[in-house]
Amino acid sequence: MTTTADQSLWLQDTPTTSRQAPLAGQHACDVAVIGGGIAGLTTGLLLLRHGFDVALLEAGTVGHGVSGNNTAKVTALQSTMYSTITRTHGADAAKAYAAAATAGVELLSTLADPTSCDFRRAPAATFAYTQNERDAVRAEADAATAAGLPVHWTDELDLPFPTYGAVRLAGQILVHPAKYVRGLAQAFLAEGGRLYEGSRVTSVSTAAPYQVDTAHGSVTAEHVVVATHYPLLDRGLFFARLDAERSYCIAARLRSGTPPEELAISAGSPSWSFSRHGHHVIVGGQSHPAGDHGVDFARYTALSDFAQQHFDIAEITHRWSAQDPKAYDGLPMVGSYLPGASHLWVSTGFAKWGLAMGTIAGAILADRIAGIDNPHAETFSPHRISLRGVPTLLQQNAKVAKDLVGDRLASPDAHDPDDVPIDDARVLPDGTGKKGVYRDRTGALHAVSLRCTHLGCLLRFNGAERSWDCPCHGSRFDVDGAVLEGPAVRPLPTRKP
């Protein structure tokens, strides 16, 4: 049995398209959108249709971020979201969320129509993997029904193992996410948008007209939309209100049988998530807080073992992971970056459901900038006050404080680079600080400062992804210090091993 390492099924399966040139020199536009994923491209495309001149800046390549590393589910039924929102915000908020999620699903359907993205309708389900999860699924069925979703209860799912009841929603969407995002990019360009790839934004000025800077150029704009998944600007204290979680996926080609029809996810912890593509079954899960201790390849092994236990697997073909920010009170944050601001905008906090929620976020922001009332805007205001969410907020920030101090007091893992095993990393002393040293499969050493360039937390090694990850706010760096994921925008300084 073979495995293709570190490669999303969606990215490997998508034909290479011509890359857009990086931003160079000075430019001007009506709206600068930062981030070329689902939220950013949807916002940019809809703004073009409102008559705005739009420039979109993507740090890497369109579709290669979270948008190309997910389970491809576009659904308004999202695990146990409605029972959670009802507890935290009340029944009216759950209804508003259901309306927004449904609108996001249907808007994506409309935008996907002219693209070749393997679009198909499929049912979604939240199920009980164990008897102990049945009550949680019942509660979700009740909350989703009260929120207005046409769900129904079932004791039978198209899964190759016993389940203990499920809530099911018909007519949801399975899409090839990388093809879809690149289709959005092609439409954006065809309709007059300017797209710059390889253009990581390093700063945004504090007042309109804003100057948005990259390494080799700048854009001046009356409006700026920050759609970078995790906001890159420290103003607004988003880093104190978001918690980043990393999760993992494998794709397995079946020897016999067919993948499950339902876009299913279990209600408990650990959760098991299922999707499909052709003869491949996609299994996701093994989530953990970003920058957690002791993360290694066992995350993928657990998914592979589960798949082989329940399906007739010919081979595990792909593995990948993604990171998702979740707001302290569970709702996305879509609107003005700061209270009272009317030209700087943000969309974040989709908590693993960005295909639907990032899409409706794009519609909300495009309408807000165009001066059009949007019925979903108030629900997701970044400046809402949620008293029931305060304990979670305090808990999140207590963890950050603990990580910030605790890792500085902890002893190094080793004192000599010779003690670093092949394909692994250790924390070594570095003068008055610490450095991370990774030994690759050829035996070469890679050493970097462990101080995150965002707010200075010490990084931890993720052995599953061979990256240095921040436990405070989720920034990620490769073994040579390049930024893989924000909010950090500057690389790590290198060190001598």
Protein backbone atom coordinates (compact mmCIF):
# COMPACT_ATOMS: atom_id res chain seq x y z
CA MET A 1 0.00 0.00 0.00
CA THR A 2 1.49 3.33 -1.08
CA THR A 3 0.92 6.90 -0.04
CA THR A 4 1.45 10.20 -1.84
CA ALA A 5 2.82 12.43 0.91
CA ASP A 6 1.82 15.97 1.79
CA GLN A 7 -0.49 16.51 -1.14
CA SER A 8 -4.17 17.33 -1.20
CA LEU A 9 -6.21 15.18 -3.57
CA TRP A 10 -7.79 18.38 -4.86
CA LEU A 11 -4.51 20.09 -5.66
CA GLN A 12 -2.90 17.10 -7.34
CA ASP A 13 -6.09 16.49 -9.33
CA THR A 14 -6.35 20.06 -10.65
CA PRO A 15 -4.61 20.96 -13.93
CA THR A 16 -1.91 23.57 -13.55
CA THR A 17 -3.03 27.01 -14.69
CA SER A 18 -0.86 29.99 -15.51
CA ARG A 19 0.17 31.84 -12.40
CA GLN A 20 -0.47 35.56 -12.16
CA ALA A 21 2.54 37.83 -11.70
CA PRO A 22 3.34 39.26 -8.26
CA LEU A 23 2.50 42.85 -7.45
CA ALA A 24 5.27 45.24 -8.50
CA GLY A 25 5.31 49.03 -8.41
CA GLN A 26 2.53 51.32 -7.25
CA HIS A 27 -1.13 50.84 -8.15
CA ALA A 28 -4.54 52.21 -7.20
CA CYS A 29 -8.05 50.72 -7.09
CA ASP A 30 -11.39 51.10 -5.37
CA VAL A 31 -11.07 47.94 -3.24
CA ALA A 32 -8.04 45.85 -2.35
CA VAL A 33 -8.92 42.31 -1.28
CA ILE A 34 -6.24 40.43 0.65
CA GLY A 35 -6.53 36.64 0.32
CA GLY A 36 -7.29 34.48 -2.71
CA GLY A 37 -9.44 31.79 -1.13
CA ILE A 38 -13.20 31.24 -1.11
CA ALA A 39 -14.00 34.35 0.94
CA GLY A 40 -11.62 36.69 -0.86
CA LEU A 41 -12.45 35.63 -4.40
CA THR A 42 -16.19 35.62 -3.75
CA THR A 43 -15.96 39.11 -2.28
CA GLY A 44 -13.83 40.35 -5.17
CA LEU A 45 -16.03 38.86 -7.89
CA LEU A 46 -19.25 40.23 -6.40
CA LEU A 47 -17.65 43.67 -5.95
CA LEU A 48 -16.78 43.70 -9.66
CA ARG A 49 -20.44 43.04 -10.38
CA HIS A 50 -21.32 46.02 -8.19
CA GLY A 51 -19.12 48.18 -10.41
CA PHE A 52 -15.95 48.49 -8.31
CA ASP A 53 -12.36 48.36 -9.55
CA VAL A 54 -10.85 45.49 -7.52
CA ALA A 55 -7.29 44.28 -6.96
CA LEU A 56 -6.81 40.96 -5.17
CA LEU A 57 -3.51 40.00 -3.52
CA GLU A 58 -2.71 36.38 -2.70
CA ALA A 59 0.40 35.43 -0.68
CA GLY A 60 0.89 32.15 -2.54
CA THR A 61 -1.12 30.59 -5.34
CA VAL A 62 -4.90 30.71 -5.63
CA GLY A 63 -6.48 27.55 -4.24
CA HIS A 64 -3.39 26.29 -2.40
CA GLY A 65 -4.47 27.40 1.06
CA VAL A 66 -7.35 26.07 3.12
CA SER A 67 -9.62 26.35 0.07
CA GLY A 68 -7.65 23.56 -1.61
CA ASN A 69 -7.09 21.52 1.54
CA ASN A 70 -10.54 20.62 2.85
CA THR A 71 -13.18 17.89 2.65
CA ALA A 72 -15.16 19.60 -0.15
CA LYS A 73 -18.45 19.74 1.78
CA VAL A 74 -20.77 22.67 1.08
CA THR A 75 -23.55 22.28 3.61
CA ALA A 76 -25.83 24.18 5.95
CA LEU A 77 -25.86 21.19 8.35
CA GLN A 78 -22.54 21.53 10.14
CA SER A 79 -21.83 18.93 12.81
CA THR A 80 -23.53 20.16 16.02
CA MET A 81 -23.52 23.85 15.11
CA TYR A 82 -27.22 24.58 15.74
CA SER A 83 -27.43 23.09 19.21
CA THR A 84 -24.22 24.95 20.08
CA ILE A 85 -25.47 28.30 18.76
CA THR A 86 -28.84 27.85 20.48
CA ARG A 87 -27.09 27.32 23.82
CA THR A 88 -24.71 30.24 23.36
CA HIS A 89 -26.80 32.82 21.49
CA GLY A 90 -30.41 31.63 21.56
CA ALA A 91 -32.90 30.28 19.04
CA ASP A 92 -33.11 33.48 16.97
CA ALA A 93 -29.36 33.42 16.31
CA ALA A 94 -29.58 29.77 15.24
CA LYS A 95 -32.35 30.71 12.78
CA ALA A 96 -30.24 33.54 11.41
CA TYR A 97 -27.23 31.25 11.04
CA ALA A 98 -29.32 28.63 9.22
CA ALA A 99 -30.61 31.26 6.79
CA ALA A 100 -27.08 32.53 6.13
CA ALA A 101 -25.62 29.03 5.71
CA THR A 102 -28.40 28.05 3.32
CA ALA A 103 -27.86 31.25 1.34
CA GLY A 104 -24.14 30.45 1.18
CA VAL A 105 -24.81 26.97 -0.19
CA GLU A 106 -27.14 28.29 -2.87
CA LEU A 107 -24.89 31.22 -3.82
CA LEU A 108 -22.00 28.80 -4.31
CA SER A 109 -24.30 26.71 -6.50
CA THR A 110 -24.95 29.77 -8.68
CA LEU A 111 -21.31 30.79 -8.87
CA ALA A 112 -20.23 27.22 -9.64
CA ASP A 113 -22.65 26.83 -12.55
CA PRO A 114 -20.33 28.18 -15.29
CA THR A 115 -17.24 26.35 -13.92
CA SER A 116 -16.05 22.77 -14.37
CA CYS A 117 -15.75 21.82 -10.72
CA ASP A 118 -17.39 18.37 -10.47
CA PHE A 119 -20.48 19.89 -8.87
CA ARG A 120 -23.07 17.46 -7.52
CA ARG A 121 -25.87 17.48 -4.94
CA ALA A 122 -25.54 15.14 -1.98
CA PRO A 123 -27.12 14.75 1.45
CA ALA A 124 -25.27 15.85 4.58
CA ALA A 125 -25.56 14.08 7.93
CA THR A 126 -24.45 14.42 11.53
CA PHE A 127 -24.41 10.96 13.10
CA ALA A 128 -23.80 9.15 16.36
CA TYR A 129 -20.73 6.93 16.05
CA THR A 130 -21.34 5.55 19.54
CA GLN A 131 -24.45 5.16 21.65
CA ASN A 132 -23.14 7.95 23.90
CA GLU A 133 -23.37 10.41 21.00
CA ARG A 134 -27.04 9.76 20.27
CA ASP A 135 -28.37 12.43 22.65
CA ALA A 136 -26.10 15.07 21.08
CA VAL A 137 -27.38 14.16 17.62
CA ARG A 138 -30.99 14.29 18.84
CA ALA A 139 -30.33 17.74 20.26
CA GLU A 140 -28.85 18.83 16.95
CA ALA A 141 -31.85 17.50 15.05
CA ASP A 142 -34.19 19.47 17.31
CA ALA A 143 -32.12 22.66 17.10
CA ALA A 144 -31.70 22.43 13.31
CA THR A 145 -35.46 21.89 12.90
CA ALA A 146 -36.24 24.87 15.13
CA ALA A 147 -33.76 26.93 13.09
CA GLY A 148 -35.75 26.21 9.94
CA LEU A 149 -33.66 23.56 8.20
CA PRO A 150 -35.71 20.76 6.54
CA VAL A 151 -33.79 17.98 8.30
CA HIS A 152 -35.06 14.54 9.20
CA TRP A 153 -34.00 11.80 11.58
CA THR A 154 -32.71 8.50 10.22
CA ASP A 155 -31.32 5.32 11.70
CA GLU A 156 -29.75 4.26 8.40
CA LEU A 157 -26.76 5.84 6.68
CA ASP A 158 -24.64 4.71 3.77
CA LEU A 159 -21.68 3.95 6.04
CA PRO A 160 -19.94 0.56 6.38
CA PHE A 161 -20.23 0.37 10.18
CA PRO A 162 -23.02 0.58 12.75
CA THR A 163 -24.30 4.02 13.70
CA TYR A 164 -26.75 5.09 16.39
CA GLY A 165 -28.93 7.61 14.62
CA ALA A 166 -28.37 10.67 12.45
CA VAL A 167 -29.88 13.98 11.43
CA ARG A 168 -29.86 14.33 7.64
CA LEU A 169 -30.25 17.29 5.26
CA ALA A 170 -30.87 16.64 1.58
CA GLY A 171 -29.71 18.73 -1.37
CA GLN A 172 -26.33 19.88 -0.13
CA ILE A 173 -23.26 20.12 -2.37
CA LEU A 174 -20.08 18.23 -3.09
CA VAL A 175 -17.63 20.20 -5.21
CA HIS A 176 -13.99 19.96 -6.29
CA PRO A 177 -12.78 22.91 -4.21
CA ALA A 178 -9.53 23.66 -6.04
CA LYS A 179 -11.26 23.65 -9.44
CA TYR A 180 -14.03 25.80 -8.03
CA VAL A 181 -11.67 28.40 -6.54
CA ARG A 182 -9.66 28.57 -9.74
CA GLY A 183 -12.92 28.95 -11.64
CA LEU A 184 -13.74 31.94 -9.44
CA ALA A 185 -10.30 33.37 -10.20
CA GLN A 186 -10.82 32.96 -13.94
CA ALA A 187 -14.21 34.69 -13.71
CA PHE A 188 -12.65 37.46 -11.61
CA LEU A 189 -9.99 38.08 -14.25
CA ALA A 190 -12.45 37.82 -17.15
CA GLU A 191 -14.66 40.47 -15.56
CA GLY A 192 -11.84 42.96 -15.16
CA GLY A 193 -10.33 42.15 -11.76
CA ARG A 194 -6.59 42.34 -11.14
CA LEU A 195 -5.08 39.32 -9.42
CA TYR A 196 -1.55 39.26 -8.00
CA GLU A 197 -0.18 35.94 -6.75
CA GLY A 198 3.03 35.52 -4.75
CA SER A 199 2.21 38.84 -3.09
CA ARG A 200 2.19 38.52 0.68
CA VAL A 201 0.87 41.68 2.30
CA THR A 202 3.23 42.97 4.98
CA SER A 203 1.36 46.06 6.18
CA VAL A 204 -1.76 48.18 5.72
CA SER A 205 -1.82 51.85 6.67
CA THR A 206 -4.17 53.04 9.39
CA ALA A 207 -6.58 55.30 7.47
CA ALA A 208 -8.32 55.55 4.10
CA PRO A 209 -7.17 55.81 1.41
CA TYR A 210 -5.22 52.77 2.58
CA GLN A 211 -1.79 51.80 1.36
CA VAL A 212 -1.38 48.04 1.17
CA ASP A 213 2.29 47.01 1.00
CA THR A 214 3.98 43.86 -0.26
CA ALA A 215 7.68 43.11 -0.70
CA HIS A 216 7.83 44.61 -4.19
CA GLY A 217 4.86 46.90 -4.57
CA SER A 218 1.87 48.67 -3.07
CA VAL A 219 -1.80 49.32 -3.78
CA THR A 220 -3.75 52.38 -2.67
CA ALA A 221 -7.46 51.72 -2.12
CA GLU A 222 -10.51 53.36 -0.56
CA HIS A 223 -11.59 50.01 0.90
CA VAL A 224 -9.55 47.02 2.08
CA VAL A 225 -10.96 43.55 2.73
CA VAL A 226 -8.85 41.23 4.89
CA ALA A 227 -9.91 37.72 3.86
CA THR A 228 -6.76 35.88 4.89
CA HIS A 229 -8.60 33.20 6.89
CA TYR A 230 -6.84 34.38 10.08
CA PRO A 231 -6.67 38.22 10.08
CA LEU A 232 -3.13 39.48 9.51
CA LEU A 233 -3.53 42.92 11.13
CA ASP A 234 -3.09 43.19 14.91
CA ARG A 235 -5.60 46.03 15.22
CA GLY A 236 -9.04 44.91 16.37
CA LEU A 237 -7.66 42.24 18.74
CA PHE A 238 -8.88 39.39 16.56
CA PHE A 239 -5.97 37.26 17.75
CA ALA A 240 -7.43 37.44 21.27
CA ARG A 241 -10.89 36.28 20.09
CA LEU A 242 -9.97 33.45 17.74
CA ASP A 243 -8.75 29.95 18.42
CA ALA A 244 -7.00 28.02 15.64
CA GLU A 245 -7.50 24.27 15.21
CA ARG A 246 -5.63 21.94 12.87
CA SER A 247 -7.22 18.81 11.36
CA TYR A 248 -6.13 16.08 8.97
CA CYS A 249 -7.44 14.20 5.93
CA ILE A 250 -6.55 11.15 3.89
CA ALA A 251 -7.92 10.00 0.54
CA ALA A 252 -8.15 6.26 -0.06
CA ARG A 253 -8.90 4.48 -3.33
CA LEU A 254 -11.36 1.66 -2.83
CA ARG A 255 -10.71 -1.85 -4.10
CA SER A 256 -14.41 -2.65 -4.06
CA GLY A 257 -17.65 -0.94 -3.14
CA THR A 258 -18.43 2.74 -3.44
CA PRO A 259 -17.73 5.70 -1.13
CA PRO A 260 -20.55 6.79 1.20
CA GLU A 261 -23.25 8.95 -0.36
CA GLU A 262 -23.68 11.17 2.69
CA LEU A 263 -21.34 14.02 3.52
CA ALA A 264 -21.23 12.72 7.07
CA ILE A 265 -19.55 13.76 10.30
CA SER A 266 -19.83 12.19 13.75
CA ALA A 267 -20.97 14.27 16.70
CA GLY A 268 -18.44 13.15 19.29
CA SER A 269 -14.76 13.61 19.99
CA PRO A 270 -12.73 12.48 18.21
CA SER A 271 -14.97 13.14 15.24
CA TRP A 272 -14.88 11.21 11.96
CA SER A 273 -15.71 13.03 8.76
CA PHE A 274 -16.48 11.48 5.35
CA SER A 275 -16.54 12.80 1.82
CA ARG A 276 -15.84 11.36 -1.61
CA HIS A 277 -14.31 11.95 -5.03
CA GLY A 278 -14.67 9.35 -7.76
CA HIS A 279 -13.52 6.00 -6.35
CA HIS A 280 -11.86 7.71 -3.38
CA VAL A 281 -13.26 7.93 0.11
CA ILE A 282 -12.01 10.92 2.11
CA VAL A 283 -11.67 10.50 5.86
CA GLY A 284 -10.97 13.50 8.07
CA GLY A 285 -10.46 14.17 11.75
CA GLN A 286 -7.72 14.00 14.42
CA SER A 287 -8.13 17.70 15.21
CA HIS A 288 -6.03 19.47 17.81
CA PRO A 289 -5.31 23.07 18.87
CA ALA A 290 -2.71 24.70 16.63
CA GLY A 291 0.77 24.33 18.07
CA ASP A 292 -0.21 21.49 20.38
CA HIS A 293 2.49 19.41 22.07
CA GLY A 294 3.58 16.08 20.63
CA VAL A 295 1.90 16.19 17.22
CA ASP A 296 3.40 13.61 14.89
CA PHE A 297 2.58 11.31 11.98
CA ALA A 298 0.29 9.28 14.23
CA ARG A 299 -2.50 11.72 13.25
CA TYR A 300 -2.42 10.33 9.71
CA THR A 301 -1.88 6.78 10.88
CA ALA A 302 -5.07 6.91 12.94
CA LEU A 303 -7.07 8.00 9.88
CA SER A 304 -5.49 5.32 7.70
CA ASP A 305 -6.16 2.62 10.29
CA PHE A 306 -9.78 3.71 10.60
CA ALA A 307 -10.27 3.69 6.82
CA GLN A 308 -8.72 0.23 6.45
CA GLN A 309 -10.81 -1.11 9.32
CA HIS A 310 -14.10 -0.08 7.69
CA PHE A 311 -13.51 0.04 3.93
CA ASP A 312 -11.93 -2.27 1.35
CA ILE A 313 -8.93 -0.04 0.65
CA ALA A 314 -6.67 -0.59 -2.34
CA GLU A 315 -4.28 2.20 -1.37
CA ILE A 316 -4.00 5.41 0.61
CA THR A 317 -3.22 7.94 -2.10
CA HIS A 318 -3.16 11.39 -0.48
CA ARG A 319 -2.85 13.06 2.88
CA TRP A 320 -3.19 16.70 3.83
CA SER A 321 -4.18 19.02 6.63
CA ALA A 322 -5.74 22.42 7.16
CA GLN A 323 -6.14 24.98 9.90
CA ASP A 324 -9.32 26.78 10.85
CA PRO A 325 -9.92 29.74 13.17
CA LYS A 326 -12.99 29.66 15.38
CA ALA A 327 -14.36 32.68 17.25
CA TYR A 328 -14.69 32.50 21.01
CA ASP A 329 -18.50 32.47 20.75
CA GLY A 330 -18.72 30.14 17.74
CA LEU A 331 -20.00 32.53 15.07
CA PRO A 332 -18.03 33.85 12.08
CA MET A 333 -16.82 37.44 12.19
CA VAL A 334 -17.78 39.34 9.03
CA GLY A 335 -17.92 43.12 8.83
CA SER A 336 -15.90 46.19 9.75
CA TYR A 337 -12.44 45.53 11.12
CA LEU A 338 -12.86 48.11 13.91
CA PRO A 339 -16.01 49.51 15.55
CA GLY A 340 -17.31 52.38 13.46
CA ALA A 341 -14.92 51.72 10.57
CA SER A 342 -16.52 51.87 7.13
CA HIS A 343 -13.59 51.21 4.80
CA LEU A 344 -11.58 48.36 6.43
CA TRP A 345 -13.30 44.96 6.44
CA VAL A 346 -12.70 41.41 7.67
CA SER A 347 -14.09 37.89 7.26
CA THR A 348 -12.89 35.07 9.52
CA GLY A 349 -13.94 32.40 12.02
CA PHE A 350 -15.64 29.90 9.69
CA ALA A 351 -14.67 26.97 11.94
CA LYS A 352 -14.16 24.35 9.17
CA TRP A 353 -17.28 25.32 7.21
CA GLY A 354 -15.74 27.94 4.95
CA LEU A 355 -17.12 26.70 1.64
CA ALA A 356 -20.62 27.75 2.68
CA MET A 357 -19.83 30.44 5.24
CA GLY A 358 -16.95 32.04 3.35
CA THR A 359 -19.24 32.32 0.36
CA ILE A 360 -21.99 34.15 2.25
CA ALA A 361 -19.30 36.28 3.92
CA GLY A 362 -18.26 37.45 0.46
CA ALA A 363 -21.84 38.48 -0.30
CA ILE A 364 -22.16 40.32 3.02
CA LEU A 365 -18.98 42.34 2.50
CA ALA A 366 -19.69 43.13 -1.15
CA ASP A 367 -23.12 44.43 -0.17
CA ARG A 368 -21.77 46.44 2.78
CA ILE A 369 -19.15 48.13 0.61
CA ALA A 370 -21.77 48.86 -2.06
CA GLY A 371 -24.09 50.39 0.55
CA ILE A 372 -26.67 47.63 0.21
CA ASP A 373 -28.44 46.17 3.25
CA ASN A 374 -27.65 42.50 3.72
CA PRO A 375 -30.00 40.43 5.92
CA HIS A 376 -27.13 38.37 7.35
CA ALA A 377 -24.74 41.18 8.26
CA GLU A 378 -25.86 41.83 11.84
CA THR A 379 -25.59 38.19 12.91
CA PHE A 380 -21.89 38.05 12.13
CA SER A 381 -20.80 41.51 13.26
CA PRO A 382 -17.22 41.28 14.60
CA HIS A 383 -18.22 43.69 17.38
CA ARG A 384 -21.06 41.73 18.90
CA ILE A 385 -20.99 41.11 22.63
CA SER A 386 -21.60 37.55 23.79
CA LEU A 387 -21.69 37.20 27.57
CA ARG A 388 -22.14 33.44 27.35
CA GLY A 389 -18.95 33.29 25.33
CA VAL A 390 -16.88 35.13 27.94
CA PRO A 391 -15.75 31.97 29.81
CA THR A 392 -14.42 30.54 26.55
CA LEU A 393 -12.71 33.85 25.77
CA LEU A 394 -11.03 33.88 29.17
CA GLN A 395 -10.02 30.25 28.81
CA GLN A 396 -8.48 30.87 25.37
CA ASN A 397 -6.40 33.79 26.58
CA ALA A 398 -5.35 32.02 29.76
CA LYS A 399 -3.98 29.24 27.54
CA VAL A 400 -2.07 31.81 25.46
CA ALA A 401 -0.54 33.30 28.61
CA LYS A 402 0.40 29.84 29.85
CA ASP A 403 2.00 28.90 26.53
CA LEU A 404 3.82 32.23 26.27
CA VAL A 405 5.44 31.85 29.69
CA GLY A 406 5.63 28.07 30.05
CA ASP A 407 7.61 27.36 26.89
CA ARG A 408 10.20 29.96 27.88
CA LEU A 409 10.70 28.26 31.24
CA ALA A 410 10.85 24.74 29.83
CA SER A 411 14.25 23.12 29.38
CA PRO A 412 15.58 22.50 25.86
CA ASP A 413 15.00 19.04 24.36
CA ALA A 414 18.69 18.62 23.55
CA HIS A 415 22.00 20.46 23.77
CA ASP A 416 23.83 19.07 20.76
CA PRO A 417 22.66 19.00 17.13
CA ASP A 418 23.97 15.43 16.92
CA ASP A 419 21.07 14.46 19.19
CA VAL A 420 18.46 15.43 16.56
CA PRO A 421 17.12 12.27 14.85
CA ILE A 422 16.53 11.93 11.11
CA ASP A 423 13.23 13.51 10.00
CA ASP A 424 12.61 15.00 13.43
CA ALA A 425 13.32 18.17 15.37
CA ARG A 426 14.53 19.28 18.77
CA VAL A 427 14.59 22.52 20.75
CA LEU A 428 18.16 23.61 21.52
CA PRO A 429 19.54 26.55 23.51
CA ASP A 430 20.40 29.64 21.47
CA GLY A 431 22.24 32.14 23.63
CA THR A 432 19.58 33.58 25.93
CA GLY A 433 16.79 32.08 23.84
CA LYS A 434 15.95 28.89 21.97
CA LYS A 435 16.20 27.60 18.43
CA GLY A 436 14.47 24.80 16.59
CA VAL A 437 16.67 22.32 14.73
CA TYR A 438 15.26 19.86 12.19
CA ARG A 439 17.27 17.08 10.54
CA ASP A 440 15.90 16.18 7.10
CA ARG A 441 15.93 12.74 5.50
CA THR A 442 19.34 13.39 3.94
CA GLY A 443 20.81 14.26 7.32
CA ALA A 444 21.07 18.01 6.69
CA LEU A 445 20.19 20.31 9.58
CA HIS A 446 17.81 23.29 9.40
CA ALA A 447 17.82 25.74 12.31
CA VAL A 448 15.57 28.72 13.03
CA SER A 449 14.71 31.04 15.88
CA LEU A 450 11.69 29.73 17.79
CA ARG A 451 10.28 33.17 18.52
CA CYS A 452 7.13 33.67 16.42
CA THR A 453 7.38 36.85 14.37
CA HIS A 454 3.75 37.70 15.17
CA LEU A 455 3.74 38.33 18.94
CA GLY A 456 6.74 36.38 20.18
CA CYS A 457 5.33 33.06 21.43
CA LEU A 458 7.71 30.12 21.15
CA LEU A 459 6.95 27.65 18.37
CA ARG A 460 6.49 23.89 18.59
CA PHE A 461 7.32 21.26 15.99
CA ASN A 462 4.49 19.54 14.13
CA GLY A 463 5.91 16.18 13.10
CA ALA A 464 2.93 15.39 10.88
CA GLU A 465 3.57 18.45 8.68
CA ARG A 466 7.26 19.15 9.40
CA SER A 467 6.49 22.70 10.40
CA TRP A 468 7.04 25.01 13.35
CA ASP A 469 3.62 26.04 14.69
CA CYS A 470 2.60 28.76 17.13
CA PRO A 471 0.40 27.62 20.06
CA CYS A 472 -0.80 31.17 20.72
CA HIS A 473 -2.33 32.31 17.43
CA GLY A 474 -1.66 29.60 14.86
CA SER A 475 1.12 31.03 12.70
CA ARG A 476 3.13 28.33 10.92
CA PHE A 477 6.61 28.27 9.39
CA ASP A 478 8.57 25.71 7.39
CA VAL A 479 11.85 24.28 8.67
CA ASP A 480 13.80 27.11 7.01
CA GLY A 481 11.57 29.81 8.53
CA ALA A 482 9.30 30.76 5.59
CA VAL A 483 5.75 31.74 6.58
CA LEU A 484 3.23 28.97 5.83
CA GLU A 485 0.27 30.46 7.64
CA GLY A 486 -0.56 33.79 9.29
CA PRO A 487 -1.18 35.97 11.18
CA ALA A 488 2.63 36.21 10.98
CA VAL A 489 3.86 37.94 7.81
CA ARG A 490 7.64 37.87 8.42
CA PRO A 491 9.86 34.77 8.22
CA LEU A 492 11.80 33.35 11.14
CA PRO A 493 15.47 34.32 11.42
CA THR A 494 17.72 31.38 10.60
CA ARG A 495 20.31 30.11 13.06
CA LYS A 496 23.47 28.07 12.92
CA PRO A 497 22.68 24.46 13.93
